Amino acid sequence: MGQAREPHAGWTFLTNHSRVLAAIAEDRTTRVRDIAVRCRLTERAVQKIIADLEEGGYLTHVREGRSNVYRIAPGTLLRHPADAPATVAELLAILAHHESARPSPARDHDST
């Protein structure tokens, strides 16, 4: 466990940080293991990214029982000066729109 499936070589348009943030935005109680599978990263990489996001003020978490509940700071500005004055909420809105336009795997298999 903890190994990324189908590793990708080369560059991509989205960073792993944005992928992890989008996974958390979709489910505030998601587990590191589930984020790793969704983002095709190792659990260790996801833990590091979450720590980066918390250190940068983009994310906080509270412990509820054996689980973490994450809170995203939607008004936080994106880090790169070329992205100014875009916020985390704006980035997540774009990613959510992209996800809603993507056919689900279940629908792909229904059309025979």
C-alpha atoms as a PDB file:
ATOM      1  CA  MET A   1       0.000   0.000   0.000  1.00  0.00           C
ATOM      2  CA  GLY A   2       0.944   3.636  -0.276  1.00  0.00           C
ATOM      3  CA  GLN A   3       2.357   3.242  -3.770  1.00  0.00           C
ATOM      4  CA  ALA A   4       1.141   5.433  -6.588  1.00  0.00           C
ATOM      5  CA  ARG A   5      -0.582   3.626  -9.443  1.00  0.00           C
ATOM      6  CA  GLU A   6       0.399   4.298 -13.024  1.00  0.00           C
ATOM      7  CA  PRO A   7       3.230   6.773 -12.439  1.00  0.00           C
ATOM      8  CA  HIS A   8       3.400   9.669 -14.845  1.00  0.00           C
ATOM      9  CA  ALA A   9       6.577  10.987 -16.413  1.00  0.00           C
ATOM     10  CA  GLY A  10       6.859  14.480 -17.794  1.00  0.00           C
ATOM     11  CA  TRP A  11       5.104  17.694 -17.002  1.00  0.00           C
ATOM     12  CA  THR A  12       1.411  18.256 -16.285  1.00  0.00           C
ATOM     13  CA  PHE A  13      -0.853  21.295 -16.177  1.00  0.00           C
ATOM     14  CA  LEU A  14      -1.931  20.790 -12.565  1.00  0.00           C
ATOM     15  CA  THR A  15       0.387  20.447  -9.616  1.00  0.00           C
ATOM     16  CA  ASN A  16       0.083  17.694  -7.046  1.00  0.00           C
ATOM     17  CA  HIS A  17      -0.722  20.409  -4.503  1.00  0.00           C
ATOM     18  CA  SER A  18      -3.763  21.511  -6.508  1.00  0.00           C
ATOM     19  CA  ARG A  19      -4.882  17.908  -6.968  1.00  0.00           C
ATOM     20  CA  VAL A  20      -4.678  17.217  -3.223  1.00  0.00           C
ATOM     21  CA  LEU A  21      -6.495  20.467  -2.424  1.00  0.00           C
ATOM     22  CA  ALA A  22      -9.264  19.572  -4.897  1.00  0.00           C
ATOM     23  CA  ALA A  23      -9.641  16.109  -3.344  1.00  0.00           C
ATOM     24  CA  ILE A  24      -9.999  17.672   0.098  1.00  0.00           C
ATOM     25  CA  ALA A  25     -12.469  20.250  -1.227  1.00  0.00           C
ATOM     26  CA  GLU A  26     -14.617  17.419  -2.542  1.00  0.00           C
ATOM     27  CA  ASP A  27     -14.613  15.597   0.825  1.00  0.00           C
ATOM     28  CA  ARG A  28     -13.391  17.379   3.960  1.00  0.00           C
ATOM     29  CA  THR A  29     -13.147  14.073   5.826  1.00  0.00           C
ATOM     30  CA  THR A  30     -11.250  12.144   3.165  1.00  0.00           C
ATOM     31  CA  ARG A  31      -8.370   9.964   4.296  1.00  0.00           C
ATOM     32  CA  VAL A  32      -4.763  10.403   3.199  1.00  0.00           C
ATOM     33  CA  ARG A  33      -4.943   6.914   1.710  1.00  0.00           C
ATOM     34  CA  ASP A  34      -7.942   7.876  -0.443  1.00  0.00           C
ATOM     35  CA  ILE A  35      -6.303  11.118  -1.580  1.00  0.00           C
ATOM     36  CA  ALA A  36      -3.196   9.166  -2.555  1.00  0.00           C
ATOM     37  CA  VAL A  37      -5.213   6.761  -4.701  1.00  0.00           C
ATOM     38  CA  ARG A  38      -7.209   9.540  -6.347  1.00  0.00           C
ATOM     39  CA  CYS A  39      -4.147  11.679  -7.077  1.00  0.00           C
ATOM     40  CA  ARG A  40      -1.913   8.704  -7.928  1.00  0.00           C
ATOM     41  CA  LEU A  41       0.617   9.670  -5.275  1.00  0.00           C
ATOM     42  CA  THR A  42       2.134   7.898  -2.317  1.00  0.00           C
ATOM     43  CA  GLU A  43       0.612   8.456   1.109  1.00  0.00           C
ATOM     44  CA  ARG A  44       3.901   9.993   2.207  1.00  0.00           C
ATOM     45  CA  ALA A  45       3.751  12.520  -0.664  1.00  0.00           C
ATOM     46  CA  VAL A  46       0.168  13.433   0.264  1.00  0.00           C
ATOM     47  CA  GLN A  47       1.164  13.945   3.913  1.00  0.00           C
ATOM     48  CA  LYS A  48       3.976  16.281   2.809  1.00  0.00           C
ATOM     49  CA  ILE A  49       1.652  18.230   0.525  1.00  0.00           C
ATOM     50  CA  ILE A  50      -0.941  18.609   3.290  1.00  0.00           C
ATOM     51  CA  ALA A  51       1.823  19.899   5.595  1.00  0.00           C
ATOM     52  CA  ASP A  52       2.880  22.390   2.891  1.00  0.00           C
ATOM     53  CA  LEU A  53      -0.712  23.573   2.439  1.00  0.00           C
ATOM     54  CA  GLU A  54      -1.155  23.988   6.195  1.00  0.00           C
ATOM     55  CA  GLU A  55       2.139  25.838   6.539  1.00  0.00           C
ATOM     56  CA  GLY A  56       1.104  28.162   3.688  1.00  0.00           C
ATOM     57  CA  GLY A  57      -2.219  28.970   5.351  1.00  0.00           C
ATOM     58  CA  TYR A  58      -4.352  27.258   2.709  1.00  0.00           C
ATOM     59  CA  LEU A  59      -5.612  24.452   4.906  1.00  0.00           C
ATOM     60  CA  THR A  60      -6.179  23.519   8.552  1.00  0.00           C
ATOM     61  CA  HIS A  61      -7.394  20.354  10.157  1.00  0.00           C
ATOM     62  CA  VAL A  62      -8.950  19.220  13.410  1.00  0.00           C
ATOM     63  CA  ARG A  63      -8.924  15.734  14.771  1.00  0.00           C
ATOM     64  CA  GLU A  64     -12.367  14.166  15.283  1.00  0.00           C
ATOM     65  CA  GLY A  65     -11.999  10.731  16.768  1.00  0.00           C
ATOM     66  CA  ARG A  66      -9.625   8.806  14.539  1.00  0.00           C
ATOM     67  CA  SER A  67     -10.201  11.061  11.537  1.00  0.00           C
ATOM     68  CA  ASN A  68      -9.098  14.476  10.349  1.00  0.00           C
ATOM     69  CA  VAL A  69     -11.584  17.079   9.191  1.00  0.00           C
ATOM     70  CA  TYR A  70     -10.003  19.625   6.875  1.00  0.00           C
ATOM     71  CA  ARG A  71     -10.940  23.259   6.387  1.00  0.00           C
ATOM     72  CA  ILE A  72      -9.796  25.157   3.326  1.00  0.00           C
ATOM     73  CA  ALA A  73      -9.141  28.910   3.574  1.00  0.00           C
ATOM     74  CA  PRO A  74     -11.037  29.948   0.409  1.00  0.00           C
ATOM     75  CA  GLY A  75      -9.943  33.594   0.393  1.00  0.00           C
ATOM     76  CA  THR A  76      -6.241  32.812   0.459  1.00  0.00           C
ATOM     77  CA  LEU A  77      -4.408  34.121  -2.592  1.00  0.00           C
ATOM     78  CA  LEU A  78      -2.555  31.733  -4.872  1.00  0.00           C
ATOM     79  CA  ARG A  79       1.212  31.776  -4.381  1.00  0.00           C
ATOM     80  CA  HIS A  80       2.570  32.712  -7.789  1.00  0.00           C
ATOM     81  CA  PRO A  81       2.575  36.448  -8.627  1.00  0.00           C
ATOM     82  CA  ALA A  82       1.300  35.704 -12.141  1.00  0.00           C
ATOM     83  CA  ASP A  83      -1.861  34.217 -10.590  1.00  0.00           C
ATOM     84  CA  ALA A  84      -2.679  37.358  -8.588  1.00  0.00           C
ATOM     85  CA  PRO A  85      -5.252  38.181  -7.427  1.00  0.00           C
ATOM     86  CA  ALA A  86      -6.821  34.722  -7.843  1.00  0.00           C
ATOM     87  CA  THR A  87      -7.947  32.923  -4.692  1.00  0.00           C
ATOM     88  CA  VAL A  88      -8.108  29.293  -3.662  1.00  0.00           C
ATOM     89  CA  ALA A  89     -11.901  29.433  -4.037  1.00  0.00           C
ATOM     90  CA  GLU A  90     -11.558  30.527  -7.666  1.00  0.00           C
ATOM     91  CA  LEU A  91      -9.095  27.737  -8.417  1.00  0.00           C
ATOM     92  CA  LEU A  92     -11.354  25.151  -6.794  1.00  0.00           C
ATOM     93  CA  ALA A  93     -14.358  26.448  -8.750  1.00  0.00           C
ATOM     94  CA  ILE A  94     -12.483  25.890 -11.999  1.00  0.00           C
ATOM     95  CA  LEU A  95     -11.415  22.401 -10.940  1.00  0.00           C
ATOM     96  CA  ALA A  96     -14.943  21.520  -9.777  1.00  0.00           C
ATOM     97  CA  HIS A  97     -16.338  22.641 -13.139  1.00  0.00           C
ATOM     98  CA  HIS A  98     -13.780  20.450 -14.887  1.00  0.00           C
ATOM     99  CA  GLU A  99     -14.691  17.444 -12.717  1.00  0.00           C
ATOM    100  CA  SER A 100     -18.434  17.903 -13.297  1.00  0.00           C
ATOM    101  CA  ALA A 101     -17.900  17.980 -17.075  1.00  0.00           C
ATOM    102  CA  ARG A 102     -15.871  14.741 -17.031  1.00  0.00           C
ATOM    103  CA  PRO A 103     -17.840  11.549 -17.679  1.00  0.00           C
ATOM    104  CA  SER A 104     -17.864   9.231 -14.705  1.00  0.00           C
ATOM    105  CA  PRO A 105     -16.278   5.777 -15.096  1.00  0.00           C
ATOM    106  CA  ALA A 106     -19.661   4.163 -14.405  1.00  0.00           C
ATOM    107  CA  ARG A 107     -21.262   6.031 -17.311  1.00  0.00           C
ATOM    108  CA  ASP A 108     -18.403   5.066 -19.618  1.00  0.00           C
ATOM    109  CA  HIS A 109     -19.116   1.373 -19.078  1.00  0.00           C
ATOM    110  CA  ASP A 110     -22.907   1.731 -19.441  1.00  0.00           C
ATOM    111  CA  SER A 111     -22.750   2.614 -23.132  1.00  0.00           C
ATOM    112  CA  THR A 112     -22.273  -0.657 -24.992  1.00  0.00           C
END
